Amino acid sequence: MKRSTWKAVERGFAEALGGRRVPVTGRSRGDAPDVAREKWSIEVKAGRVMSQRLLMGMAQAEEAAKGTDKVPLLCISQSHGPGHPTDRLVMLRLADFQQLIGVGVGDTDS
């Protein structure tokens, strides 16, 4: 992915979430998030390929929520075997997240 492309994606998320993009210059991996915003450590990943299992799971959650006031939420779990902790994540659409945290395009608190 071209450098200008992932920078634009980060800027887009920063604007959508009411934060500001943190430039890469002078920082190491994990030193600072991609987007600065109070209460959130926002890391942005972008690419052409996304897991079909994730897309299918989100589509199922959205279908089940149709006609209700429920927010589609995908829960993801990866087990690392006996005696190892399980990674547990949640995923939802950006528009639903914006509504949940009460922020839209143009709002900022950074």
PDB file of N, CA and C in Angstrom:
ATOM      1  N   MET A   1       0.850  -1.176   0.000  1.00  0.00           N
ATOM      2  CA  MET A   1       0.000   0.000   0.000  1.00  0.00           C
ATOM      3  C   MET A   1       0.892   1.235   0.000  1.00  0.00           C
ATOM      4  N   LYS A   2       0.528   2.190  -0.835  1.00  0.00           N
ATOM      5  CA  LYS A   2       1.307   3.419  -0.907  1.00  0.00           C
ATOM      6  C   LYS A   2       1.194   4.198   0.408  1.00  0.00           C
ATOM      7  N   ARG A   3       2.286   4.860   0.758  1.00  0.00           N
ATOM      8  CA  ARG A   3       2.359   5.647   1.987  1.00  0.00           C
ATOM      9  C   ARG A   3       1.236   6.688   2.068  1.00  0.00           C
ATOM     10  N   SER A   4       0.956   7.356   0.953  1.00  0.00           N
ATOM     11  CA  SER A   4      -0.092   8.382   0.951  1.00  0.00           C
ATOM     12  C   SER A   4      -1.464   7.766   1.209  1.00  0.00           C
ATOM     13  N   THR A   5      -1.661   6.517   0.805  1.00  0.00           N
ATOM     14  CA  THR A   5      -2.950   5.853   0.994  1.00  0.00           C
ATOM     15  C   THR A   5      -3.207   5.569   2.465  1.00  0.00           C
ATOM     16  N   TRP A   6      -2.254   4.936   3.172  1.00  0.00           N
ATOM     17  CA  TRP A   6      -2.517   4.614   4.574  1.00  0.00           C
ATOM     18  C   TRP A   6      -2.562   5.868   5.436  1.00  0.00           C
ATOM     19  N   LYS A   7      -1.833   6.907   5.048  1.00  0.00           N
ATOM     20  CA  LYS A   7      -1.928   8.171   5.778  1.00  0.00           C
ATOM     21  C   LYS A   7      -3.329   8.759   5.625  1.00  0.00           C
ATOM     22  N   ALA A   8      -3.886   8.686   4.427  1.00  0.00           N
ATOM     23  CA  ALA A   8      -5.236   9.199   4.179  1.00  0.00           C
ATOM     24  C   ALA A   8      -6.272   8.396   4.966  1.00  0.00           C
ATOM     25  N   VAL A   9      -6.084   7.088   5.058  1.00  0.00           N
ATOM     26  CA  VAL A   9      -7.000   6.255   5.840  1.00  0.00           C
ATOM     27  C   VAL A   9      -6.941   6.661   7.308  1.00  0.00           C
ATOM     28  N   GLU A  10      -5.739   6.857   7.838  1.00  0.00           N
ATOM     29  CA  GLU A  10      -5.584   7.291   9.233  1.00  0.00           C
ATOM     30  C   GLU A  10      -6.247   8.646   9.458  1.00  0.00           C
ATOM     31  N   ARG A  11      -6.046   9.594   8.526  1.00  0.00           N
ATOM     32  CA  ARG A  11      -6.687  10.913   8.648  1.00  0.00           C
ATOM     33  C   ARG A  11      -8.203  10.786   8.636  1.00  0.00           C
ATOM     34  N   GLY A  12      -8.724   9.919   7.799  1.00  0.00           N
ATOM     35  CA  GLY A  12     -10.163   9.711   7.719  1.00  0.00           C
ATOM     36  C   GLY A  12     -10.742   9.187   9.020  1.00  0.00           C
ATOM     37  N   PHE A  13     -10.062   8.218   9.640  1.00  0.00           N
ATOM     38  CA  PHE A  13     -10.522   7.703  10.929  1.00  0.00           C
ATOM     39  C   PHE A  13     -10.388   8.765  12.013  1.00  0.00           C
ATOM     40  N   ALA A  14      -9.310   9.529  11.973  1.00  0.00           N
ATOM     41  CA  ALA A  14      -9.130  10.601  12.961  1.00  0.00           C
ATOM     42  C   ALA A  14     -10.294  11.588  12.885  1.00  0.00           C
ATOM     43  N   GLU A  15     -10.650  11.991  11.679  1.00  0.00           N
ATOM     44  CA  GLU A  15     -11.768  12.930  11.511  1.00  0.00           C
ATOM     45  C   GLU A  15     -13.082  12.301  11.965  1.00  0.00           C
ATOM     46  N   ALA A  16     -13.322  11.064  11.573  1.00  0.00           N
ATOM     47  CA  ALA A  16     -14.572  10.388  11.908  1.00  0.00           C
ATOM     48  C   ALA A  16     -14.737  10.159  13.402  1.00  0.00           C
ATOM     49  N   LEU A  17     -13.608  10.031  14.120  1.00  0.00           N
ATOM     50  CA  LEU A  17     -13.666   9.732  15.543  1.00  0.00           C
ATOM     51  C   LEU A  17     -13.362  10.942  16.423  1.00  0.00           C
ATOM     52  N   GLY A  18     -13.231  12.107  15.813  1.00  0.00           N
ATOM     53  CA  GLY A  18     -12.996  13.316  16.591  1.00  0.00           C
ATOM     54  C   GLY A  18     -11.623  13.390  17.213  1.00  0.00           C
ATOM     55  N   GLY A  19     -10.637  12.807  16.553  1.00  0.00           N
ATOM     56  CA  GLY A  19      -9.264  12.837  17.064  1.00  0.00           C
ATOM     57  C   GLY A  19      -8.342  13.502  16.060  1.00  0.00           C
ATOM     58  N   ARG A  20      -7.039  13.254  16.230  1.00  0.00           N
ATOM     59  CA  ARG A  20      -6.081  13.789  15.267  1.00  0.00           C
ATOM     60  C   ARG A  20      -5.050  12.706  14.969  1.00  0.00           C
ATOM     61  N   ARG A  21      -4.609  12.683  13.713  1.00  0.00           N
ATOM     62  CA  ARG A  21      -3.605  11.710  13.287  1.00  0.00           C
ATOM     63  C   ARG A  21      -2.257  12.043  13.919  1.00  0.00           C
ATOM     64  N   VAL A  22      -1.572  11.018  14.424  1.00  0.00           N
ATOM     65  CA  VAL A  22      -0.241  11.190  15.002  1.00  0.00           C
ATOM     66  C   VAL A  22       0.784  10.795  13.941  1.00  0.00           C
ATOM     67  N   PRO A  23       1.627  11.738  13.485  1.00  0.00           N
ATOM     68  CA  PRO A  23       2.620  11.407  12.458  1.00  0.00           C
ATOM     69  C   PRO A  23       3.585  10.325  12.936  1.00  0.00           C
ATOM     70  N   VAL A  24       4.087   9.549  12.014  1.00  0.00           N
ATOM     71  CA  VAL A  24       5.009   8.453  12.320  1.00  0.00           C
ATOM     72  C   VAL A  24       6.387   8.978  12.713  1.00  0.00           C
ATOM     73  N   THR A  25       6.769  10.135  12.217  1.00  0.00           N
ATOM     74  CA  THR A  25       8.095  10.694  12.433  1.00  0.00           C
ATOM     75  C   THR A  25       8.487  10.700  13.910  1.00  0.00           C
ATOM     76  N   GLY A  26       9.633  10.098  14.208  1.00  0.00           N
ATOM     77  CA  GLY A  26      10.196  10.151  15.555  1.00  0.00           C
ATOM     78  C   GLY A  26       9.563   9.208  16.553  1.00  0.00           C
ATOM     79  N   ARG A  27       8.742   8.273  16.113  1.00  0.00           N
ATOM     80  CA  ARG A  27       8.175   7.332  17.071  1.00  0.00           C
ATOM     81  C   ARG A  27       8.434   5.904  16.626  1.00  0.00           C
ATOM     82  N   SER A  28       8.474   5.011  17.583  1.00  0.00           N
ATOM     83  CA  SER A  28       8.658   3.591  17.296  1.00  0.00           C
ATOM     84  C   SER A  28       7.323   2.882  17.445  1.00  0.00           C
ATOM     85  N   ARG A  29       7.238   1.677  16.896  1.00  0.00           N
ATOM     86  CA  ARG A  29       6.015   0.885  16.992  1.00  0.00           C
ATOM     87  C   ARG A  29       5.584   0.761  18.452  1.00  0.00           C
ATOM     88  N   GLY A  30       4.350   1.129  18.727  1.00  0.00           N
ATOM     89  CA  GLY A  30       3.817   1.012  20.077  1.00  0.00           C
ATOM     90  C   GLY A  30       4.044   2.224  20.962  1.00  0.00           C
ATOM     91  N   ASP A  31       4.827   3.209  20.511  1.00  0.00           N
ATOM     92  CA  ASP A  31       5.071   4.412  21.310  1.00  0.00           C
ATOM     93  C   ASP A  31       3.821   5.274  21.443  1.00  0.00           C
ATOM     94  N   ALA A  32       3.052   5.361  20.370  1.00  0.00           N
ATOM     95  CA  ALA A  32       1.864   6.213  20.338  1.00  0.00           C
ATOM     96  C   ALA A  32       0.870   5.595  19.368  1.00  0.00           C
ATOM     97  N   PRO A  33      -0.413   5.875  19.567  1.00  0.00           N
ATOM     98  CA  PRO A  33      -1.410   5.339  18.631  1.00  0.00           C
ATOM     99  C   PRO A  33      -1.370   6.088  17.299  1.00  0.00           C
ATOM    100  N   ASP A  34      -2.049   5.552  16.310  1.00  0.00           N
ATOM    101  CA  ASP A  34      -2.146   6.224  15.005  1.00  0.00           C
ATOM    102  C   ASP A  34      -3.018   7.466  15.094  1.00  0.00           C
ATOM    103  N   VAL A  35      -4.026   7.407  15.959  1.00  0.00           N
ATOM    104  CA  VAL A  35      -4.957   8.525  16.141  1.00  0.00           C
ATOM    105  C   VAL A  35      -5.025   8.863  17.621  1.00  0.00           C
ATOM    106  N   ALA A  36      -4.808  10.135  17.943  1.00  0.00           N
ATOM    107  CA  ALA A  36      -4.864  10.588  19.333  1.00  0.00           C
ATOM    108  C   ALA A  36      -6.273  11.071  19.664  1.00  0.00           C
ATOM    109  N   ARG A  37      -6.785  10.568  20.748  1.00  0.00           N
ATOM    110  CA  ARG A  37      -8.086  10.997  21.243  1.00  0.00           C
ATOM    111  C   ARG A  37      -8.167  10.591  22.709  1.00  0.00           C
ATOM    112  N   GLU A  38      -8.743  11.482  23.509  1.00  0.00           N
ATOM    113  CA  GLU A  38      -8.897  11.190  24.925  1.00  0.00           C
ATOM    114  C   GLU A  38      -9.689   9.901  25.098  1.00  0.00           C
ATOM    115  N   LYS A  39      -9.254   9.034  25.984  1.00  0.00           N
ATOM    116  CA  LYS A  39      -9.886   7.760  26.337  1.00  0.00           C
ATOM    117  C   LYS A  39      -9.640   6.620  25.358  1.00  0.00           C
ATOM    118  N   TRP A  40      -9.091   6.870  24.177  1.00  0.00           N
ATOM    119  CA  TRP A  40      -8.958   5.819  23.183  1.00  0.00           C
ATOM    120  C   TRP A  40      -7.524   5.717  22.677  1.00  0.00           C
ATOM    121  N   SER A  41      -7.044   4.502  22.516  1.00  0.00           N
ATOM    122  CA  SER A  41      -5.771   4.231  21.864  1.00  0.00           C
ATOM    123  C   SER A  41      -6.137   3.614  20.521  1.00  0.00           C
ATOM    124  N   ILE A  42      -6.113   4.411  19.473  1.00  0.00           N
ATOM    125  CA  ILE A  42      -6.648   4.005  18.180  1.00  0.00           C
ATOM    126  C   ILE A  42      -5.532   3.623  17.217  1.00  0.00           C
ATOM    127  N   GLU A  43      -5.523   2.386  16.813  1.00  0.00           N
ATOM    128  CA  GLU A  43      -4.583   1.859  15.829  1.00  0.00           C
ATOM    129  C   GLU A  43      -5.377   1.575  14.565  1.00  0.00           C
ATOM    130  N   VAL A  44      -4.854   1.974  13.416  1.00  0.00           N
ATOM    131  CA  VAL A  44      -5.563   1.803  12.144  1.00  0.00           C
ATOM    132  C   VAL A  44      -4.819   0.792  11.282  1.00  0.00           C
ATOM    133  N   LYS A  45      -5.545  -0.179  10.763  1.00  0.00           N
ATOM    134  CA  LYS A  45      -5.000  -1.146   9.810  1.00  0.00           C
ATOM    135  C   LYS A  45      -5.849  -1.065   8.556  1.00  0.00           C
ATOM    136  N   ALA A  46      -5.206  -1.018   7.414  1.00  0.00           N
ATOM    137  CA  ALA A  46      -5.936  -0.909   6.153  1.00  0.00           C
ATOM    138  C   ALA A  46      -5.303  -1.818   5.116  1.00  0.00           C
ATOM    139  N   GLY A  47      -6.097  -2.294   4.209  1.00  0.00           N
ATOM    140  CA  GLY A  47      -5.588  -3.134   3.143  1.00  0.00           C
ATOM    141  C   GLY A  47      -6.721  -3.572   2.236  1.00  0.00           C
ATOM    142  N   ARG A  48      -6.371  -4.268   1.198  1.00  0.00           N
ATOM    143  CA  ARG A  48      -7.372  -4.747   0.239  1.00  0.00           C
ATOM    144  C   ARG A  48      -8.038  -6.026   0.705  1.00  0.00           C
ATOM    145  N   VAL A  49      -7.399  -6.770   1.588  1.00  0.00           N
ATOM    146  CA  VAL A  49      -7.910  -8.076   1.997  1.00  0.00           C
ATOM    147  C   VAL A  49      -8.388  -8.019   3.442  1.00  0.00           C
ATOM    148  N   MET A  50      -9.594  -8.539   3.657  1.00  0.00           N
ATOM    149  CA  MET A  50     -10.130  -8.673   5.007  1.00  0.00           C
ATOM    150  C   MET A  50     -10.655 -10.099   5.128  1.00  0.00           C
ATOM    151  N   SER A  51     -10.519 -10.666   6.288  1.00  0.00           N
ATOM    152  CA  SER A  51     -10.971 -12.034   6.501  1.00  0.00           C
ATOM    153  C   SER A  51     -12.434 -12.197   6.113  1.00  0.00           C
ATOM    154  N   GLN A  52     -12.710 -13.169   5.271  1.00  0.00           N
ATOM    155  CA  GLN A  52     -14.091 -13.457   4.879  1.00  0.00           C
ATOM    156  C   GLN A  52     -14.917 -13.916   6.070  1.00  0.00           C
ATOM    157  N   ARG A  53     -14.292 -14.556   7.045  1.00  0.00           N
ATOM    158  CA  ARG A  53     -15.015 -14.978   8.260  1.00  0.00           C
ATOM    159  C   ARG A  53     -15.514 -13.757   9.026  1.00  0.00           C
ATOM    160  N   LEU A  54     -14.690 -12.703   9.092  1.00  0.00           N
ATOM    161  CA  LEU A  54     -15.125 -11.490   9.778  1.00  0.00           C
ATOM    162  C   LEU A  54     -16.278 -10.825   9.027  1.00  0.00           C
ATOM    163  N   LEU A  55     -16.142 -10.721   7.716  1.00  0.00           N
ATOM    164  CA  LEU A  55     -17.191 -10.100   6.917  1.00  0.00           C
ATOM    165  C   LEU A  55     -18.499 -10.889   7.012  1.00  0.00           C
ATOM    166  N   MET A  56     -18.405 -12.212   6.976  1.00  0.00           N
ATOM    167  CA  MET A  56     -19.585 -13.053   7.080  1.00  0.00           C
ATOM    168  C   MET A  56     -20.231 -12.911   8.466  1.00  0.00           C
ATOM    169  N   GLY A  57     -19.409 -12.894   9.489  1.00  0.00           N
ATOM    170  CA  GLY A  57     -19.931 -12.737  10.851  1.00  0.00           C
ATOM    171  C   GLY A  57     -20.632 -11.408  11.035  1.00  0.00           C
ATOM    172  N   MET A  58     -20.053 -10.324  10.502  1.00  0.00           N
ATOM    173  CA  MET A  58     -20.686  -9.013  10.613  1.00  0.00           C
ATOM    174  C   MET A  58     -21.999  -8.988   9.841  1.00  0.00           C
ATOM    175  N   ALA A  59     -22.016  -9.595   8.662  1.00  0.00           N
ATOM    176  CA  ALA A  59     -23.248  -9.653   7.867  1.00  0.00           C
ATOM    177  C   ALA A  59     -24.345 -10.410   8.628  1.00  0.00           C
ATOM    178  N   GLN A  60     -23.988 -11.480   9.318  1.00  0.00           N
ATOM    179  CA  GLN A  60     -24.968 -12.235  10.098  1.00  0.00           C
ATOM    180  C   GLN A  60     -25.506 -11.397  11.257  1.00  0.00           C
ATOM    181  N   ALA A  61     -24.622 -10.666  11.942  1.00  0.00           N
ATOM    182  CA  ALA A  61     -25.058  -9.806  13.054  1.00  0.00           C
ATOM    183  C   ALA A  61     -25.984  -8.709  12.547  1.00  0.00           C
ATOM    184  N   GLU A  62     -25.663  -8.143  11.382  1.00  0.00           N
ATOM    185  CA  GLU A  62     -26.509  -7.090  10.801  1.00  0.00           C
ATOM    186  C   GLU A  62     -27.876  -7.638  10.383  1.00  0.00           C
ATOM    187  N   GLU A  63     -27.884  -8.814   9.813  1.00  0.00           N
ATOM    188  CA  GLU A  63     -29.148  -9.430   9.393  1.00  0.00           C
ATOM    189  C   GLU A  63     -30.035  -9.704  10.609  1.00  0.00           C
ATOM    190  N   ALA A  64     -29.439 -10.199  11.685  1.00  0.00           N
ATOM    191  CA  ALA A  64     -30.199 -10.498  12.900  1.00  0.00           C
ATOM    192  C   ALA A  64     -30.724  -9.232  13.574  1.00  0.00           C
ATOM    193  N   ALA A  65     -30.074  -8.094  13.332  1.00  0.00           N
ATOM    194  CA  ALA A  65     -30.482  -6.831  13.951  1.00  0.00           C
ATOM    195  C   ALA A  65     -31.522  -6.064  13.134  1.00  0.00           C
ATOM    196  N   LYS A  66     -31.761  -6.493  11.899  1.00  0.00           N
ATOM    197  CA  LYS A  66     -32.714  -5.790  11.031  1.00  0.00           C
ATOM    198  C   LYS A  66     -34.082  -5.688  11.705  1.00  0.00           C
ATOM    199  N   GLY A  67     -34.666  -4.492  11.612  1.00  0.00           N
ATOM    200  CA  GLY A  67     -36.003  -4.284  12.153  1.00  0.00           C
ATOM    201  C   GLY A  67     -36.041  -4.113  13.659  1.00  0.00           C
ATOM    202  N   THR A  68     -34.858  -4.022  14.283  1.00  0.00           N
ATOM    203  CA  THR A  68     -34.788  -3.806  15.730  1.00  0.00           C
ATOM    204  C   THR A  68     -33.949  -2.558  15.992  1.00  0.00           C
ATOM    205  N   ASP A  69     -33.825  -2.185  17.249  1.00  0.00           N
ATOM    206  CA  ASP A  69     -32.945  -1.072  17.595  1.00  0.00           C
ATOM    207  C   ASP A  69     -31.600  -1.580  18.113  1.00  0.00           C
ATOM    208  N   LYS A  70     -31.299  -2.844  17.857  1.00  0.00           N
ATOM    209  CA  LYS A  70     -30.050  -3.455  18.322  1.00  0.00           C
ATOM    210  C   LYS A  70     -28.873  -3.068  17.433  1.00  0.00           C
ATOM    211  N   VAL A  71     -27.710  -2.955  18.032  1.00  0.00           N
ATOM    212  CA  VAL A  71     -26.475  -2.634  17.311  1.00  0.00           C
ATOM    213  C   VAL A  71     -25.765  -3.941  16.964  1.00  0.00           C
ATOM    214  N   PRO A  72     -25.494  -4.182  15.674  1.00  0.00           N
ATOM    215  CA  PRO A  72     -24.766  -5.398  15.288  1.00  0.00           C
ATOM    216  C   PRO A  72     -23.344  -5.381  15.870  1.00  0.00           C
ATOM    217  N   LEU A  73     -22.985  -6.439  16.562  1.00  0.00           N
ATOM    218  CA  LEU A  73     -21.681  -6.559  17.215  1.00  0.00           C
ATOM    219  C   LEU A  73     -21.143  -7.948  16.931  1.00  0.00           C
ATOM    220  N   LEU A  74     -19.920  -8.010  16.414  1.00  0.00           N
ATOM    221  CA  LEU A  74     -19.275  -9.293  16.140  1.00  0.00           C
ATOM    222  C   LEU A  74     -18.260  -9.566  17.242  1.00  0.00           C
ATOM    223  N   CYS A  75     -18.375 -10.717  17.881  1.00  0.00           N
ATOM    224  CA  CYS A  75     -17.426 -11.135  18.920  1.00  0.00           C
ATOM    225  C   CYS A  75     -16.480 -12.165  18.312  1.00  0.00           C
ATOM    226  N   ILE A  76     -15.181 -11.964  18.527  1.00  0.00           N
ATOM    227  CA  ILE A  76     -14.151 -12.790  17.914  1.00  0.00           C
ATOM    228  C   ILE A  76     -13.286 -13.377  19.028  1.00  0.00           C
ATOM    229  N   SER A  77     -13.007 -14.667  18.944  1.00  0.00           N
ATOM    230  CA  SER A  77     -12.202 -15.327  19.961  1.00  0.00           C
ATOM    231  C   SER A  77     -11.147 -16.187  19.288  1.00  0.00           C
ATOM    232  N   GLN A  78      -9.920 -16.096  19.773  1.00  0.00           N
ATOM    233  CA  GLN A  78      -8.844 -16.954  19.266  1.00  0.00           C
ATOM    234  C   GLN A  78      -8.187 -17.626  20.450  1.00  0.00           C
ATOM    235  N   SER A  79      -8.250 -18.941  20.465  1.00  0.00           N
ATOM    236  CA  SER A  79      -7.629 -19.706  21.533  1.00  0.00           C
ATOM    237  C   SER A  79      -6.189 -20.021  21.158  1.00  0.00           C
ATOM    238  N   HIS A  80      -5.320 -19.934  22.127  1.00  0.00           N
ATOM    239  CA  HIS A  80      -3.905 -20.245  21.896  1.00  0.00           C
ATOM    240  C   HIS A  80      -3.529 -21.591  22.501  1.00  0.00           C
ATOM    241  N   GLY A  81      -4.531 -22.406  22.815  1.00  0.00           N
ATOM    242  CA  GLY A  81      -4.292 -23.742  23.340  1.00  0.00           C
ATOM    243  C   GLY A  81      -4.425 -23.793  24.855  1.00  0.00           C
ATOM    244  N   PRO A  82      -4.413 -24.999  25.399  1.00  0.00           N
ATOM    245  CA  PRO A  82      -4.569 -25.191  26.843  1.00  0.00           C
ATOM    246  C   PRO A  82      -3.506 -24.437  27.647  1.00  0.00           C
ATOM    247  N   GLY A  83      -3.935 -23.774  28.683  1.00  0.00           N
ATOM    248  CA  GLY A  83      -3.016 -23.059  29.554  1.00  0.00           C
ATOM    249  C   GLY A  83      -2.601 -21.687  29.063  1.00  0.00           C
ATOM    250  N   HIS A  84      -3.109 -21.279  27.897  1.00  0.00           N
ATOM    251  CA  HIS A  84      -2.787 -19.969  27.335  1.00  0.00           C
ATOM    252  C   HIS A  84      -4.048 -19.122  27.280  1.00  0.00           C
ATOM    253  N   PRO A  85      -3.927 -17.830  27.516  1.00  0.00           N
ATOM    254  CA  PRO A  85      -5.118 -16.980  27.470  1.00  0.00           C
ATOM    255  C   PRO A  85      -5.725 -16.918  26.074  1.00  0.00           C
ATOM    256  N   THR A  86      -7.011 -16.710  26.041  1.00  0.00           N
ATOM    257  CA  THR A  86      -7.736 -16.557  24.787  1.00  0.00           C
ATOM    258  C   THR A  86      -7.845 -15.075  24.470  1.00  0.00           C
ATOM    259  N   ASP A  87      -7.556 -14.722  23.212  1.00  0.00           N
ATOM    260  CA  ASP A  87      -7.762 -13.343  22.771  1.00  0.00           C
ATOM    261  C   ASP A  87      -9.230 -13.185  22.433  1.00  0.00           C
ATOM    262  N   ARG A  88      -9.874 -12.161  23.015  1.00  0.00           N
ATOM    263  CA  ARG A  88     -11.286 -11.908  22.758  1.00  0.00           C
ATOM    264  C   ARG A  88     -11.452 -10.462  22.313  1.00  0.00           C
ATOM    265  N   LEU A  89     -12.038 -10.269  21.151  1.00  0.00           N
ATOM    266  CA  LEU A  89     -12.203  -8.949  20.549  1.00  0.00           C
ATOM    267  C   LEU A  89     -13.659  -8.739  20.162  1.00  0.00           C
ATOM    268  N   VAL A  90     -14.027  -7.473  19.988  1.00  0.00           N
ATOM    269  CA  VAL A  90     -15.338  -7.152  19.437  1.00  0.00           C
ATOM    270  C   VAL A  90     -15.152  -6.217  18.253  1.00  0.00           C
ATOM    271  N   MET A  91     -16.088  -6.289  17.298  1.00  0.00           N
ATOM    272  CA  MET A  91     -16.004  -5.478  16.094  1.00  0.00           C
ATOM    273  C   MET A  91     -17.397  -4.935  15.787  1.00  0.00           C
ATOM    274  N   LEU A  92     -17.476  -3.662  15.410  1.00  0.00           N
ATOM    275  CA  LEU A  92     -18.711  -3.080  14.949  1.00  0.00           C
ATOM    276  C   LEU A  92     -18.424  -2.049  13.880  1.00  0.00           C
ATOM    277  N   ARG A  93     -19.454  -1.650  13.157  1.00  0.00           N
ATOM    278  CA  ARG A  93     -19.307  -0.674  12.081  1.00  0.00           C
ATOM    279  C   ARG A  93     -18.956   0.689  12.655  1.00  0.00           C
ATOM    280  N   LEU A  94     -18.188   1.475  11.897  1.00  0.00           N
ATOM    281  CA  LEU A  94     -17.776   2.810  12.338  1.00  0.00           C
ATOM    282  C   LEU A  94     -18.977   3.672  12.685  1.00  0.00           C
ATOM    283  N   ALA A  95     -20.009   3.678  11.862  1.00  0.00           N
ATOM    284  CA  ALA A  95     -21.191   4.518  12.122  1.00  0.00           C
ATOM    285  C   ALA A  95     -21.856   4.148  13.444  1.00  0.00           C
ATOM    286  N   ASP A  96     -21.917   2.858  13.764  1.00  0.00           N
ATOM    287  CA  ASP A  96     -22.500   2.427  15.034  1.00  0.00           C
ATOM    288  C   ASP A  96     -21.619   2.867  16.200  1.00  0.00           C
ATOM    289  N   PHE A  97     -20.304   2.758  16.031  1.00  0.00           N
ATOM    290  CA  PHE A  97     -19.381   3.186  17.083  1.00  0.00           C
ATOM    291  C   PHE A  97     -19.491   4.688  17.316  1.00  0.00           C
ATOM    292  N   GLN A  98     -19.560   5.465  16.228  1.00  0.00           N
ATOM    293  CA  GLN A  98     -19.714   6.923  16.358  1.00  0.00           C
ATOM    294  C   GLN A  98     -20.967   7.258  17.160  1.00  0.00           C
ATOM    295  N   GLN A  99     -22.047   6.561  16.870  1.00  0.00           N
ATOM    296  CA  GLN A  99     -23.291   6.819  17.588  1.00  0.00           C
ATOM    297  C   GLN A  99     -23.158   6.444  19.066  1.00  0.00           C
ATOM    298  N   LEU A 100     -22.505   5.331  19.353  1.00  0.00           N
ATOM    299  CA  LEU A 100     -22.334   4.892  20.733  1.00  0.00           C
ATOM    300  C   LEU A 100     -21.508   5.874  21.562  1.00  0.00           C
ATOM    301  N   ILE A 101     -20.473   6.445  20.957  1.00  0.00           N
ATOM    302  CA  ILE A 101     -19.610   7.361  21.721  1.00  0.00           C
ATOM    303  C   ILE A 101     -20.025   8.817  21.549  1.00  0.00           C
ATOM    304  N   GLY A 102     -21.033   9.036  20.712  1.00  0.00           N
ATOM    305  CA  GLY A 102     -21.560  10.396  20.560  1.00  0.00           C
ATOM    306  C   GLY A 102     -20.648  11.330  19.800  1.00  0.00           C
ATOM    307  N   VAL A 103     -20.042  10.855  18.738  1.00  0.00           N
ATOM    308  CA  VAL A 103     -19.161  11.701  17.946  1.00  0.00           C
ATOM    309  C   VAL A 103     -19.460  11.459  16.461  1.00  0.00           C
ATOM    310  N   GLY A 104     -19.365  12.532  15.709  1.00  0.00           N
ATOM    311  CA  GLY A 104     -19.551  12.432  14.266  1.00  0.00           C
ATOM    312  C   GLY A 104     -18.475  13.228  13.575  1.00  0.00           C
ATOM    313  N   VAL A 105     -18.514  13.265  12.284  1.00  0.00           N
ATOM    314  CA  VAL A 105     -17.537  14.005  11.509  1.00  0.00           C
ATOM    315  C   VAL A 105     -17.555  15.485  11.938  1.00  0.00           C
ATOM    316  N   GLY A 106     -16.371  16.003  12.233  1.00  0.00           N
ATOM    317  CA  GLY A 106     -16.259  17.403  12.611  1.00  0.00           C
ATOM    318  C   GLY A 106     -16.189  17.644  14.106  1.00  0.00           C
ATOM    319  N   ASP A 107     -16.615  16.664  14.925  1.00  0.00           N
ATOM    320  CA  ASP A 107     -16.503  16.809  16.383  1.00  0.00           C
ATOM    321  C   ASP A 107     -15.085  16.465  16.793  1.00  0.00           C
ATOM    322  N   THR A 108     -14.520  17.197  17.731  1.00  0.00           N
ATOM    323  CA  THR A 108     -13.186  16.880  18.207  1.00  0.00           C
ATOM    324  C   THR A 108     -13.098  17.039  19.716  1.00  0.00           C
ATOM    325  N   ASP A 109     -12.217  16.258  20.319  1.00  0.00           N
ATOM    326  CA  ASP A 109     -11.913  16.445  21.739  1.00  0.00           C
ATOM    327  C   ASP A 109     -10.437  16.239  21.990  1.00  0.00           C
ATOM    328  N   SER A 110      -9.662  16.249  20.907  1.00  0.00           N
ATOM    329  CA  SER A 110      -8.227  15.995  21.048  1.00  0.00           C
ATOM    330  C   SER A 110      -7.570  17.222  21.626  1.00  0.00           C
TER     331      SER A 110
END
